[in-house]
N, C-alpha and C. Protein backbone atom coordinates (compact mmCIF):
# COMPACT_ATOMS: atom_id res chain seq x y z
N MET A 1 104.74 18.74 -30.81
CA MET A 1 105.14 18.11 -29.59
C MET A 1 106.63 18.37 -29.39
N VAL A 2 106.99 18.59 -28.13
CA VAL A 2 108.37 18.93 -27.79
C VAL A 2 108.90 17.89 -26.82
N LYS A 3 110.20 17.56 -26.95
CA LYS A 3 110.85 16.64 -26.01
C LYS A 3 111.49 17.46 -24.89
N GLN A 4 111.36 16.96 -23.66
CA GLN A 4 111.93 17.65 -22.51
C GLN A 4 112.73 16.64 -21.70
N PRO A 5 113.97 17.00 -21.28
CA PRO A 5 114.75 16.06 -20.47
C PRO A 5 114.20 15.99 -19.04
N VAL A 6 114.11 14.75 -18.53
CA VAL A 6 113.66 14.52 -17.17
C VAL A 6 114.67 13.62 -16.50
N SER A 7 115.16 14.01 -15.34
CA SER A 7 116.16 13.22 -14.63
C SER A 7 115.48 12.46 -13.49
N VAL A 8 115.64 11.13 -13.51
CA VAL A 8 115.11 10.28 -12.46
C VAL A 8 116.26 9.46 -11.92
N ASN A 9 116.64 9.69 -10.67
CA ASN A 9 117.76 8.98 -10.03
C ASN A 9 119.05 9.08 -10.84
N GLY A 10 119.28 10.24 -11.39
CA GLY A 10 120.50 10.47 -12.15
C GLY A 10 120.45 10.00 -13.59
N VAL A 11 119.36 9.35 -14.00
CA VAL A 11 119.22 8.89 -15.38
C VAL A 11 118.33 9.89 -16.12
N VAL A 12 118.85 10.40 -17.24
CA VAL A 12 118.09 11.39 -18.01
C VAL A 12 117.26 10.67 -19.05
N ARG A 13 116.00 10.96 -19.05
CA ARG A 13 115.08 10.41 -20.05
C ARG A 13 114.39 11.59 -20.73
N TRP A 14 113.89 11.36 -21.92
CA TRP A 14 113.20 12.41 -22.65
C TRP A 14 111.71 12.15 -22.60
N ARG A 15 110.97 13.20 -22.29
CA ARG A 15 109.52 13.09 -22.18
C ARG A 15 108.88 14.03 -23.18
N ASP A 16 107.80 13.54 -23.83
CA ASP A 16 107.06 14.39 -24.76
C ASP A 16 106.18 15.33 -23.96
N VAL A 17 106.21 16.61 -24.31
CA VAL A 17 105.35 17.60 -23.67
C VAL A 17 104.62 18.36 -24.75
N GLY A 18 103.49 18.91 -24.42
CA GLY A 18 102.71 19.66 -25.40
C GLY A 18 101.26 19.25 -25.34
N LEU A 19 100.57 19.28 -26.48
CA LEU A 19 99.14 18.99 -26.52
C LEU A 19 98.82 17.58 -26.07
N ALA A 20 99.60 16.62 -26.47
CA ALA A 20 99.31 15.23 -26.11
C ALA A 20 99.41 15.05 -24.60
N ASP A 21 100.35 15.74 -23.95
CA ASP A 21 100.51 15.63 -22.50
C ASP A 21 99.30 16.21 -21.78
N ASP A 22 98.77 17.32 -22.29
CA ASP A 22 97.58 17.93 -21.70
C ASP A 22 96.38 16.99 -21.81
N THR A 23 96.25 16.32 -22.94
CA THR A 23 95.14 15.39 -23.16
C THR A 23 95.21 14.23 -22.18
N LYS A 24 96.41 13.69 -21.98
CA LYS A 24 96.57 12.59 -21.03
C LYS A 24 96.19 13.03 -19.63
N HIS A 25 96.57 14.24 -19.25
CA HIS A 25 96.26 14.75 -17.91
C HIS A 25 94.75 14.89 -17.73
N GLU A 26 94.04 15.37 -18.74
CA GLU A 26 92.58 15.51 -18.65
C GLU A 26 91.91 14.15 -18.56
N GLN A 27 92.43 13.16 -19.29
CA GLN A 27 91.85 11.83 -19.24
C GLN A 27 92.03 11.20 -17.87
N LYS A 28 93.15 11.46 -17.21
CA LYS A 28 93.39 10.90 -15.88
C LYS A 28 92.41 11.49 -14.86
N GLU A 29 92.02 12.74 -15.02
CA GLU A 29 91.13 13.40 -14.07
C GLU A 29 89.69 12.93 -14.21
N ARG A 30 89.31 12.40 -15.35
CA ARG A 30 87.94 11.94 -15.57
C ARG A 30 87.66 10.74 -14.67
N LYS A 31 86.57 10.80 -13.95
CA LYS A 31 86.21 9.73 -13.04
C LYS A 31 85.69 8.52 -13.81
N MET A 32 86.18 7.34 -13.45
CA MET A 32 85.73 6.13 -14.10
C MET A 32 84.35 5.78 -13.57
N VAL A 33 83.44 5.48 -14.47
CA VAL A 33 82.08 5.12 -14.10
C VAL A 33 81.99 3.59 -14.09
N VAL A 34 81.50 3.05 -12.98
CA VAL A 34 81.35 1.61 -12.85
C VAL A 34 79.88 1.27 -13.06
N LEU A 35 79.63 0.43 -14.06
CA LEU A 35 78.26 0.10 -14.45
C LEU A 35 77.47 -0.52 -13.31
N ARG A 36 78.08 -1.42 -12.54
CA ARG A 36 77.33 -2.07 -11.46
C ARG A 36 76.90 -1.08 -10.38
N HIS A 37 77.67 0.00 -10.18
CA HIS A 37 77.27 1.03 -9.22
C HIS A 37 76.02 1.76 -9.70
N GLU A 38 76.01 2.10 -10.98
CA GLU A 38 74.85 2.83 -11.53
C GLU A 38 73.60 1.95 -11.53
N ILE A 39 73.77 0.67 -11.89
CA ILE A 39 72.62 -0.25 -11.88
C ILE A 39 72.08 -0.37 -10.47
N GLY A 40 72.96 -0.55 -9.50
CA GLY A 40 72.54 -0.66 -8.11
C GLY A 40 71.82 0.58 -7.61
N ASP A 41 72.35 1.75 -7.98
CA ASP A 41 71.71 3.01 -7.57
C ASP A 41 70.30 3.13 -8.14
N VAL A 42 70.14 2.77 -9.40
CA VAL A 42 68.82 2.87 -10.04
C VAL A 42 67.85 1.88 -9.38
N LEU A 43 68.29 0.65 -9.16
CA LEU A 43 67.42 -0.33 -8.52
C LEU A 43 67.00 0.13 -7.12
N ARG A 44 67.94 0.66 -6.35
CA ARG A 44 67.61 1.15 -5.01
C ARG A 44 66.64 2.32 -5.09
N ASP A 45 66.87 3.25 -6.02
CA ASP A 45 65.97 4.40 -6.16
C ASP A 45 64.55 3.95 -6.49
N VAL A 46 64.42 2.99 -7.40
CA VAL A 46 63.09 2.50 -7.78
C VAL A 46 62.41 1.85 -6.57
N ARG A 47 63.15 1.01 -5.87
CA ARG A 47 62.58 0.32 -4.72
C ARG A 47 62.14 1.30 -3.64
N GLN A 48 62.98 2.29 -3.36
CA GLN A 48 62.65 3.26 -2.32
C GLN A 48 61.49 4.16 -2.72
N ARG A 49 61.40 4.52 -4.00
CA ARG A 49 60.25 5.32 -4.46
C ARG A 49 58.95 4.56 -4.28
N GLN A 50 59.01 3.24 -4.39
CA GLN A 50 57.82 2.42 -4.20
C GLN A 50 57.53 2.15 -2.73
N GLY A 51 58.45 2.55 -1.85
CA GLY A 51 58.27 2.34 -0.43
C GLY A 51 58.37 0.88 -0.02
N ARG A 52 59.16 0.12 -0.76
CA ARG A 52 59.28 -1.32 -0.50
C ARG A 52 60.59 -1.63 0.19
N THR A 53 60.61 -2.73 0.93
CA THR A 53 61.81 -3.14 1.65
C THR A 53 62.64 -4.10 0.81
N LEU A 54 63.91 -4.21 1.19
CA LEU A 54 64.79 -5.19 0.53
C LEU A 54 64.22 -6.59 0.70
N ARG A 55 63.71 -6.89 1.88
CA ARG A 55 63.18 -8.22 2.17
C ARG A 55 62.03 -8.57 1.23
N GLU A 56 61.13 -7.61 1.04
CA GLU A 56 59.96 -7.84 0.16
C GLU A 56 60.40 -8.09 -1.28
N VAL A 57 61.28 -7.25 -1.78
CA VAL A 57 61.72 -7.39 -3.18
C VAL A 57 62.54 -8.65 -3.36
N SER A 58 63.40 -8.97 -2.40
CA SER A 58 64.21 -10.19 -2.53
C SER A 58 63.32 -11.43 -2.54
N HIS A 59 62.26 -11.42 -1.72
CA HIS A 59 61.34 -12.56 -1.70
C HIS A 59 60.62 -12.70 -3.05
N ASN A 60 60.11 -11.59 -3.58
CA ASN A 60 59.39 -11.62 -4.86
C ASN A 60 60.30 -11.97 -6.04
N ALA A 61 61.56 -11.56 -5.96
CA ALA A 61 62.50 -11.83 -7.05
C ALA A 61 63.18 -13.19 -6.89
N ARG A 62 62.95 -13.83 -5.74
CA ARG A 62 63.59 -15.11 -5.42
C ARG A 62 65.11 -14.99 -5.45
N VAL A 63 65.58 -13.94 -4.78
CA VAL A 63 67.01 -13.65 -4.66
C VAL A 63 67.27 -13.47 -3.17
N SER A 64 68.42 -13.92 -2.70
CA SER A 64 68.70 -13.77 -1.27
C SER A 64 68.80 -12.29 -0.92
N LEU A 65 68.39 -11.99 0.29
CA LEU A 65 68.40 -10.61 0.79
C LEU A 65 69.80 -10.01 0.72
N GLY A 66 70.79 -10.78 1.15
CA GLY A 66 72.17 -10.29 1.14
C GLY A 66 72.68 -10.01 -0.26
N TYR A 67 72.32 -10.89 -1.20
CA TYR A 67 72.79 -10.70 -2.57
C TYR A 67 72.15 -9.46 -3.19
N LEU A 68 70.85 -9.29 -2.97
CA LEU A 68 70.18 -8.09 -3.50
C LEU A 68 70.79 -6.83 -2.91
N SER A 69 71.10 -6.88 -1.63
CA SER A 69 71.74 -5.73 -0.99
C SER A 69 73.08 -5.42 -1.63
N GLU A 70 73.87 -6.47 -1.93
CA GLU A 70 75.17 -6.26 -2.57
C GLU A 70 75.02 -5.72 -3.98
N VAL A 71 73.98 -6.16 -4.69
CA VAL A 71 73.73 -5.63 -6.04
C VAL A 71 73.39 -4.14 -5.95
N GLU A 72 72.52 -3.78 -5.01
CA GLU A 72 72.13 -2.37 -4.87
C GLU A 72 73.31 -1.49 -4.47
N ARG A 73 74.24 -2.03 -3.70
CA ARG A 73 75.42 -1.25 -3.29
C ARG A 73 76.53 -1.28 -4.33
N GLY A 74 76.30 -2.00 -5.44
CA GLY A 74 77.29 -2.05 -6.51
C GLY A 74 78.47 -2.95 -6.21
N GLN A 75 78.30 -3.87 -5.27
CA GLN A 75 79.39 -4.77 -4.92
C GLN A 75 79.36 -6.06 -5.73
N LYS A 76 78.21 -6.39 -6.29
CA LYS A 76 78.08 -7.59 -7.12
C LYS A 76 77.60 -7.21 -8.50
N GLU A 77 78.14 -7.90 -9.49
CA GLU A 77 77.74 -7.71 -10.89
C GLU A 77 76.59 -8.67 -11.17
N ALA A 78 75.39 -8.14 -11.35
CA ALA A 78 74.20 -8.98 -11.54
C ALA A 78 74.11 -9.48 -12.97
N SER A 79 73.69 -10.74 -13.13
CA SER A 79 73.48 -11.30 -14.46
C SER A 79 72.21 -10.70 -15.07
N SER A 80 72.05 -10.88 -16.36
CA SER A 80 70.84 -10.37 -17.02
C SER A 80 69.60 -11.07 -16.49
N GLU A 81 69.71 -12.35 -16.16
CA GLU A 81 68.56 -13.08 -15.61
C GLU A 81 68.18 -12.53 -14.25
N LEU A 82 69.18 -12.24 -13.43
CA LEU A 82 68.91 -11.69 -12.10
C LEU A 82 68.30 -10.30 -12.21
N LEU A 83 68.84 -9.46 -13.10
CA LEU A 83 68.27 -8.13 -13.29
C LEU A 83 66.83 -8.21 -13.75
N SER A 84 66.54 -9.14 -14.64
CA SER A 84 65.17 -9.33 -15.12
C SER A 84 64.26 -9.72 -13.98
N SER A 85 64.71 -10.62 -13.12
CA SER A 85 63.92 -11.07 -11.97
C SER A 85 63.66 -9.92 -10.99
N ILE A 86 64.68 -9.12 -10.73
CA ILE A 86 64.53 -7.98 -9.81
C ILE A 86 63.56 -6.96 -10.40
N CYS A 87 63.72 -6.66 -11.68
CA CYS A 87 62.82 -5.70 -12.33
C CYS A 87 61.38 -6.20 -12.33
N SER A 88 61.18 -7.49 -12.53
CA SER A 88 59.83 -8.06 -12.48
C SER A 88 59.25 -7.90 -11.08
N ALA A 89 60.07 -8.15 -10.06
CA ALA A 89 59.61 -8.00 -8.68
C ALA A 89 59.27 -6.54 -8.37
N LEU A 90 59.97 -5.62 -9.02
CA LEU A 90 59.70 -4.19 -8.82
C LEU A 90 58.60 -3.68 -9.76
N ASP A 91 58.14 -4.55 -10.65
CA ASP A 91 57.12 -4.20 -11.64
C ASP A 91 57.58 -3.02 -12.52
N VAL A 92 58.84 -3.12 -12.94
CA VAL A 92 59.45 -2.11 -13.80
C VAL A 92 60.06 -2.83 -15.00
N PRO A 93 59.80 -2.39 -16.22
CA PRO A 93 60.42 -3.05 -17.37
C PRO A 93 61.95 -2.93 -17.30
N LEU A 94 62.61 -4.00 -17.65
CA LEU A 94 64.08 -4.00 -17.66
C LEU A 94 64.60 -2.89 -18.56
N SER A 95 63.92 -2.66 -19.68
CA SER A 95 64.37 -1.62 -20.62
C SER A 95 64.32 -0.23 -19.98
N SER A 96 63.31 0.02 -19.16
CA SER A 96 63.21 1.33 -18.48
C SER A 96 64.33 1.51 -17.47
N MET A 97 64.62 0.44 -16.74
CA MET A 97 65.71 0.52 -15.76
C MET A 97 67.03 0.76 -16.47
N LEU A 98 67.26 0.03 -17.58
CA LEU A 98 68.51 0.21 -18.32
C LEU A 98 68.58 1.58 -18.99
N ARG A 99 67.44 2.13 -19.38
CA ARG A 99 67.43 3.47 -19.96
C ARG A 99 67.86 4.50 -18.92
N GLU A 100 67.37 4.34 -17.69
CA GLU A 100 67.76 5.24 -16.60
C GLU A 100 69.26 5.12 -16.33
N VAL A 101 69.77 3.90 -16.34
CA VAL A 101 71.20 3.69 -16.15
C VAL A 101 71.98 4.35 -17.28
N SER A 102 71.50 4.20 -18.49
CA SER A 102 72.16 4.80 -19.65
C SER A 102 72.20 6.32 -19.54
N ASP A 103 71.09 6.92 -19.11
CA ASP A 103 71.04 8.37 -18.94
C ASP A 103 72.05 8.83 -17.89
N ARG A 104 72.14 8.09 -16.80
CA ARG A 104 73.10 8.45 -15.75
C ARG A 104 74.54 8.33 -16.24
N LEU A 105 74.81 7.27 -17.01
CA LEU A 105 76.16 7.10 -17.56
C LEU A 105 76.50 8.24 -18.52
N ALA A 106 75.53 8.63 -19.34
CA ALA A 106 75.77 9.72 -20.29
C ALA A 106 76.09 11.01 -19.56
N VAL A 107 75.38 11.29 -18.49
CA VAL A 107 75.66 12.49 -17.70
C VAL A 107 77.06 12.42 -17.10
N ALA A 108 77.42 11.27 -16.55
CA ALA A 108 78.74 11.10 -15.95
C ALA A 108 79.86 11.25 -16.98
N GLU A 109 79.58 10.84 -18.22
CA GLU A 109 80.57 10.95 -19.29
C GLU A 109 80.56 12.31 -19.97
N GLY A 110 79.61 13.14 -19.61
CA GLY A 110 79.53 14.46 -20.22
C GLY A 110 78.87 14.47 -21.57
N VAL A 111 78.09 13.43 -21.87
CA VAL A 111 77.38 13.34 -23.14
C VAL A 111 75.99 13.90 -22.95
N SER A 112 75.53 14.72 -23.89
CA SER A 112 74.20 15.30 -23.74
C SER A 112 73.14 14.25 -24.05
N VAL A 113 72.11 14.22 -23.23
CA VAL A 113 71.01 13.28 -23.40
C VAL A 113 69.83 14.06 -23.95
N PRO A 114 69.27 13.64 -25.08
CA PRO A 114 68.13 14.39 -25.62
C PRO A 114 66.94 14.30 -24.67
N ASP A 115 66.28 15.43 -24.49
CA ASP A 115 65.13 15.50 -23.60
C ASP A 115 63.87 15.33 -24.44
N THR A 116 63.36 14.12 -24.49
CA THR A 116 62.19 13.83 -25.31
C THR A 116 61.11 13.18 -24.47
N VAL A 117 59.90 13.28 -24.92
CA VAL A 117 58.78 12.62 -24.26
C VAL A 117 58.57 11.28 -24.96
N PRO A 118 58.67 10.16 -24.20
CA PRO A 118 58.47 8.86 -24.84
C PRO A 118 57.07 8.75 -25.43
N GLN A 119 56.97 8.08 -26.56
CA GLN A 119 55.70 7.95 -27.26
C GLN A 119 54.68 7.21 -26.39
N GLU A 120 55.12 6.19 -25.63
CA GLU A 120 54.20 5.46 -24.77
C GLU A 120 53.56 6.38 -23.73
N PHE A 121 54.33 7.34 -23.24
CA PHE A 121 53.84 8.26 -22.22
C PHE A 121 52.73 9.13 -22.78
N SER A 122 52.94 9.67 -23.97
CA SER A 122 51.92 10.53 -24.55
C SER A 122 50.69 9.72 -24.95
N GLN A 123 50.89 8.47 -25.39
CA GLN A 123 49.74 7.62 -25.73
C GLN A 123 48.95 7.24 -24.49
N ARG A 124 49.65 6.99 -23.41
CA ARG A 124 49.00 6.59 -22.16
C ARG A 124 48.06 7.68 -21.65
N TYR A 125 48.46 8.92 -21.79
CA TYR A 125 47.66 10.02 -21.27
C TYR A 125 46.75 10.65 -22.32
N GLY A 126 46.69 10.05 -23.51
CA GLY A 126 45.69 10.39 -24.52
C GLY A 126 45.85 11.71 -25.23
N ARG A 127 47.02 12.29 -25.20
CA ARG A 127 47.23 13.54 -25.95
C ARG A 127 48.69 13.63 -26.36
N ASP A 128 48.92 14.41 -27.35
CA ASP A 128 50.29 14.60 -27.83
C ASP A 128 50.91 15.73 -27.03
N LEU A 129 51.75 15.40 -26.07
CA LEU A 129 52.35 16.40 -25.20
C LEU A 129 53.30 17.32 -25.97
N GLY A 130 53.91 16.81 -27.02
CA GLY A 130 54.81 17.65 -27.82
C GLY A 130 54.06 18.82 -28.43
N ASP A 131 52.85 18.56 -29.00
CA ASP A 131 52.05 19.64 -29.57
C ASP A 131 51.58 20.60 -28.49
N GLU A 132 51.20 20.05 -27.34
CA GLU A 132 50.73 20.89 -26.24
C GLU A 132 51.84 21.82 -25.76
N LEU A 133 53.04 21.29 -25.60
CA LEU A 133 54.17 22.11 -25.17
C LEU A 133 54.53 23.15 -26.22
N ALA A 134 54.47 22.76 -27.47
CA ALA A 134 54.76 23.70 -28.55
C ALA A 134 53.74 24.84 -28.56
N GLY A 135 52.47 24.51 -28.31
CA GLY A 135 51.42 25.53 -28.24
C GLY A 135 51.66 26.50 -27.10
N GLU A 136 52.04 25.98 -25.94
CA GLU A 136 52.33 26.85 -24.80
C GLU A 136 53.54 27.73 -25.08
N LEU A 137 54.55 27.17 -25.74
CA LEU A 137 55.74 27.93 -26.06
C LEU A 137 55.40 29.06 -27.02
N SER A 138 54.59 28.79 -28.04
CA SER A 138 54.23 29.84 -29.00
C SER A 138 53.40 30.93 -28.33
N LYS A 139 52.50 30.57 -27.39
CA LYS A 139 51.72 31.57 -26.65
C LYS A 139 52.65 32.48 -25.85
N ASP A 140 53.66 31.88 -25.20
CA ASP A 140 54.62 32.66 -24.42
C ASP A 140 55.41 33.61 -25.32
N LEU A 141 55.81 33.14 -26.49
CA LEU A 141 56.56 33.98 -27.40
C LEU A 141 55.73 35.15 -27.89
N VAL A 142 54.43 34.90 -28.20
CA VAL A 142 53.55 35.96 -28.67
C VAL A 142 53.32 36.98 -27.56
N SER A 143 53.08 36.52 -26.34
CA SER A 143 52.81 37.45 -25.25
C SER A 143 54.05 38.28 -24.91
N ASN A 144 55.23 37.70 -25.05
CA ASN A 144 56.46 38.46 -24.79
C ASN A 144 56.77 39.46 -25.89
N ALA A 145 56.29 39.18 -27.11
CA ALA A 145 56.54 40.08 -28.24
C ALA A 145 55.67 41.31 -28.17
N ILE A 146 54.52 41.20 -27.51
CA ILE A 146 53.56 42.32 -27.45
C ILE A 146 53.98 43.36 -26.47
């Protein structure tokens, strides 16, 4: 690290320059992720995929329409009880909603998310999708080798 003189209003101060300065600059450029925005986006996406209205979900969750709207827009920080009530009204497990939020946060932070098939999914459809995909992959490799 190197010291560099910097003059501000005639007063000379010394500033550290070098690797540490570059790191600080990169950290400033990283966008801050707000958890309530991601939660709201996921809740809105789930509701819209189901083709349901805010009014319907707010009634089923016993939450005011305006408050639910503010939660979806990321303007209000929802309590765990409220999130549970909204997820119940959407017929979505709270854990699934939070997993989706976690995946979105990981992407925003630049963290790689492992691409796996949940065990419940493969059990629900009665076959091991991992083995099926591995079989298809090996067939493709053999056909490309020939």
